[in-house]
Amino acid sequence: MTYIKSQTWDLTTGRAYPLKDLFKPGSNYVQVLNRIIKEQMKQQQIVTLEPFKSISPDQDYYIADKALVIYFQLYDLTAYAFGFPMFVISVFDIQEIIDENGPLGKMAVNSL
């Protein structure tokens, strides 16, 4: 069985960032991400093993190209043949709830 695991660190402080620490305290980040993921599942016509309910508060993720990528392990959401389901979410789509001092906050700044 193959697994994917990623970690986000601040290399200057050595601090690791679980998913919840990317967002403002008390924000409804799980519900916001669930809504976006459900929309993407519908657009991509992803067939799930069971109806999608929710990500976990410590869901697997990585950050790339001004985006948060939420992903699931094999069989967590879909059949093996679909591979690892990944959902790319632009930082600009979740800008209201991200912690400005965290890794996503630094990416949400428009620069030329």
C-alpha atoms as a PDB file:
ATOM      1  CA  MET A   1       0.000   0.000   0.000  1.00  0.00           C
ATOM      2  CA  THR A   2       1.270   3.460  -0.871  1.00  0.00           C
ATOM      3  CA  TYR A   3       0.762   6.513   1.352  1.00  0.00           C
ATOM      4  CA  ILE A   4       1.478  10.204   0.922  1.00  0.00           C
ATOM      5  CA  LYS A   5       2.581  12.301   3.872  1.00  0.00           C
ATOM      6  CA  SER A   6       3.552  15.953   3.854  1.00  0.00           C
ATOM      7  CA  GLN A   7       4.651  18.431   6.486  1.00  0.00           C
ATOM      8  CA  THR A   8       4.750  22.215   6.586  1.00  0.00           C
ATOM      9  CA  TRP A   9       7.463  23.839   8.667  1.00  0.00           C
ATOM     10  CA  ASP A  10       8.788  27.317   9.343  1.00  0.00           C
ATOM     11  CA  LEU A  11      12.466  26.689   8.761  1.00  0.00           C
ATOM     12  CA  THR A  12      13.548  29.725  10.777  1.00  0.00           C
ATOM     13  CA  THR A  13      11.677  28.726  13.949  1.00  0.00           C
ATOM     14  CA  GLY A  14      11.307  24.970  13.491  1.00  0.00           C
ATOM     15  CA  ARG A  15       7.547  25.250  14.008  1.00  0.00           C
ATOM     16  CA  ALA A  16       5.360  22.626  12.323  1.00  0.00           C
ATOM     17  CA  TYR A  17       1.953  23.724  11.000  1.00  0.00           C
ATOM     18  CA  PRO A  18      -0.993  21.373  11.353  1.00  0.00           C
ATOM     19  CA  LEU A  19      -3.932  22.354   9.133  1.00  0.00           C
ATOM     20  CA  LYS A  20      -5.776  24.233  11.900  1.00  0.00           C
ATOM     21  CA  ASP A  21      -2.828  26.585  12.427  1.00  0.00           C
ATOM     22  CA  LEU A  22      -3.120  27.927   8.882  1.00  0.00           C
ATOM     23  CA  PHE A  23      -6.378  29.647   9.810  1.00  0.00           C
ATOM     24  CA  LYS A  24      -7.574  32.324  12.200  1.00  0.00           C
ATOM     25  CA  PRO A  25      -8.505  30.967  15.639  1.00  0.00           C
ATOM     26  CA  GLY A  26     -12.225  30.239  15.805  1.00  0.00           C
ATOM     27  CA  SER A  27     -12.645  30.318  12.041  1.00  0.00           C
ATOM     28  CA  ASN A  28     -14.928  27.762  10.456  1.00  0.00           C
ATOM     29  CA  TYR A  29     -12.142  26.473   8.207  1.00  0.00           C
ATOM     30  CA  VAL A  30     -13.434  22.877   8.157  1.00  0.00           C
ATOM     31  CA  GLN A  31     -16.856  23.962   6.859  1.00  0.00           C
ATOM     32  CA  VAL A  32     -15.346  26.371   4.312  1.00  0.00           C
ATOM     33  CA  LEU A  33     -12.962  23.721   2.969  1.00  0.00           C
ATOM     34  CA  ASN A  34     -15.753  21.105   2.917  1.00  0.00           C
ATOM     35  CA  ARG A  35     -17.895  23.399   0.756  1.00  0.00           C
ATOM     36  CA  ILE A  36     -15.055  24.001  -1.719  1.00  0.00           C
ATOM     37  CA  ILE A  37     -14.154  20.303  -1.856  1.00  0.00           C
ATOM     38  CA  LYS A  38     -17.793  19.304  -2.454  1.00  0.00           C
ATOM     39  CA  GLU A  39     -17.985  21.812  -5.314  1.00  0.00           C
ATOM     40  CA  GLN A  40     -14.786  20.441  -6.862  1.00  0.00           C
ATOM     41  CA  MET A  41     -16.009  16.846  -6.464  1.00  0.00           C
ATOM     42  CA  LYS A  42     -19.178  17.747  -8.340  1.00  0.00           C
ATOM     43  CA  GLN A  43     -17.284  19.610 -11.101  1.00  0.00           C
ATOM     44  CA  GLN A  44     -14.801  16.757 -11.528  1.00  0.00           C
ATOM     45  CA  GLN A  45     -17.528  14.100 -11.254  1.00  0.00           C
ATOM     46  CA  ILE A  46     -15.602  12.209  -8.585  1.00  0.00           C
ATOM     47  CA  VAL A  47     -17.281   8.971  -7.554  1.00  0.00           C
ATOM     48  CA  THR A  48     -16.841   8.260  -3.838  1.00  0.00           C
ATOM     49  CA  LEU A  49     -16.989   4.986  -1.940  1.00  0.00           C
ATOM     50  CA  GLU A  50     -19.346   6.621   0.575  1.00  0.00           C
ATOM     51  CA  PRO A  51     -20.964  10.058   0.587  1.00  0.00           C
ATOM     52  CA  PHE A  52     -18.409  12.734   1.496  1.00  0.00           C
ATOM     53  CA  LYS A  53     -19.124  14.173   4.923  1.00  0.00           C
ATOM     54  CA  SER A  54     -16.141  16.207   6.044  1.00  0.00           C
ATOM     55  CA  ILE A  55     -12.410  16.591   6.163  1.00  0.00           C
ATOM     56  CA  SER A  56     -10.816  16.008   9.536  1.00  0.00           C
ATOM     57  CA  PRO A  57      -9.504  19.027  11.480  1.00  0.00           C
ATOM     58  CA  ASP A  58      -5.984  17.656  10.908  1.00  0.00           C
ATOM     59  CA  GLN A  59      -6.539  16.584   7.279  1.00  0.00           C
ATOM     60  CA  ASP A  60      -3.464  15.906   5.137  1.00  0.00           C
ATOM     61  CA  TYR A  61      -2.408  18.904   3.059  1.00  0.00           C
ATOM     62  CA  TYR A  62       0.479  20.625   1.371  1.00  0.00           C
ATOM     63  CA  ILE A  63       1.066  24.125   0.040  1.00  0.00           C
ATOM     64  CA  ALA A  64       2.104  24.887  -3.539  1.00  0.00           C
ATOM     65  CA  ASP A  65       1.890  27.829  -5.939  1.00  0.00           C
ATOM     66  CA  LYS A  66      -0.338  30.090  -3.810  1.00  0.00           C
ATOM     67  CA  ALA A  67      -2.662  27.194  -3.145  1.00  0.00           C
ATOM     68  CA  LEU A  68      -3.630  24.855  -0.356  1.00  0.00           C
ATOM     69  CA  VAL A  69      -3.887  21.264  -1.561  1.00  0.00           C
ATOM     70  CA  ILE A  70      -6.105  19.016   0.550  1.00  0.00           C
ATOM     71  CA  TYR A  71      -5.616  15.329  -0.193  1.00  0.00           C
ATOM     72  CA  PHE A  72      -6.903  11.958   0.902  1.00  0.00           C
ATOM     73  CA  GLN A  73      -5.185   8.595   1.169  1.00  0.00           C
ATOM     74  CA  LEU A  74      -6.075   5.692  -1.094  1.00  0.00           C
ATOM     75  CA  TYR A  75      -9.509   4.249  -0.266  1.00  0.00           C
ATOM     76  CA  ASP A  76     -10.341   7.121   2.139  1.00  0.00           C
ATOM     77  CA  LEU A  77     -12.638   8.726  -0.398  1.00  0.00           C
ATOM     78  CA  THR A  78     -12.503   6.871  -3.704  1.00  0.00           C
ATOM     79  CA  ALA A  79     -11.541   3.553  -5.223  1.00  0.00           C
ATOM     80  CA  TYR A  80      -7.840   2.780  -5.689  1.00  0.00           C
ATOM     81  CA  ALA A  81      -8.126   3.308  -9.458  1.00  0.00           C
ATOM     82  CA  PHE A  82      -8.755   7.041  -8.903  1.00  0.00           C
ATOM     83  CA  GLY A  83      -5.428   7.464  -7.114  1.00  0.00           C
ATOM     84  CA  PHE A  84      -4.972  10.059  -4.387  1.00  0.00           C
ATOM     85  CA  PRO A  85      -7.849  12.557  -4.520  1.00  0.00           C
ATOM     86  CA  MET A  86      -6.400  16.082  -4.347  1.00  0.00           C
ATOM     87  CA  PHE A  87      -8.268  19.364  -4.141  1.00  0.00           C
ATOM     88  CA  VAL A  88      -6.415  22.551  -5.035  1.00  0.00           C
ATOM     89  CA  ILE A  89      -7.755  25.633  -3.256  1.00  0.00           C
ATOM     90  CA  SER A  90      -6.424  29.085  -4.127  1.00  0.00           C
ATOM     91  CA  VAL A  91      -5.343  31.144  -1.128  1.00  0.00           C
ATOM     92  CA  PHE A  92      -7.430  33.984  -2.566  1.00  0.00           C
ATOM     93  CA  ASP A  93     -10.600  31.858  -2.221  1.00  0.00           C
ATOM     94  CA  ILE A  94     -10.034  31.441   1.517  1.00  0.00           C
ATOM     95  CA  GLN A  95      -8.303  34.727   2.263  1.00  0.00           C
ATOM     96  CA  GLU A  96     -10.908  35.828   4.847  1.00  0.00           C
ATOM     97  CA  ILE A  97     -10.156  32.913   7.180  1.00  0.00           C
ATOM     98  CA  ILE A  98      -6.409  32.391   6.821  1.00  0.00           C
ATOM     99  CA  ASP A  99      -3.994  33.495   9.520  1.00  0.00           C
ATOM    100  CA  GLU A 100      -2.136  36.446   8.010  1.00  0.00           C
ATOM    101  CA  ASN A 101       0.993  35.522   9.986  1.00  0.00           C
ATOM    102  CA  GLY A 102       1.030  31.891   8.844  1.00  0.00           C
ATOM    103  CA  PRO A 103       2.365  30.304   5.662  1.00  0.00           C
ATOM    104  CA  LEU A 104      -0.813  30.926   3.645  1.00  0.00           C
ATOM    105  CA  GLY A 105      -1.011  34.560   4.758  1.00  0.00           C
ATOM    106  CA  LYS A 106       2.357  35.269   3.207  1.00  0.00           C
ATOM    107  CA  MET A 107       1.129  33.841  -0.108  1.00  0.00           C
ATOM    108  CA  ALA A 108      -2.181  35.717  -0.129  1.00  0.00           C
ATOM    109  CA  VAL A 109      -0.437  39.020  -0.743  1.00  0.00           C
ATOM    110  CA  ASN A 110      -0.824  40.272  -4.304  1.00  0.00           C
ATOM    111  CA  SER A 111       2.551  41.242  -5.657  1.00  0.00           C
ATOM    112  CA  LEU A 112       3.738  42.169  -9.116  1.00  0.00           C
END
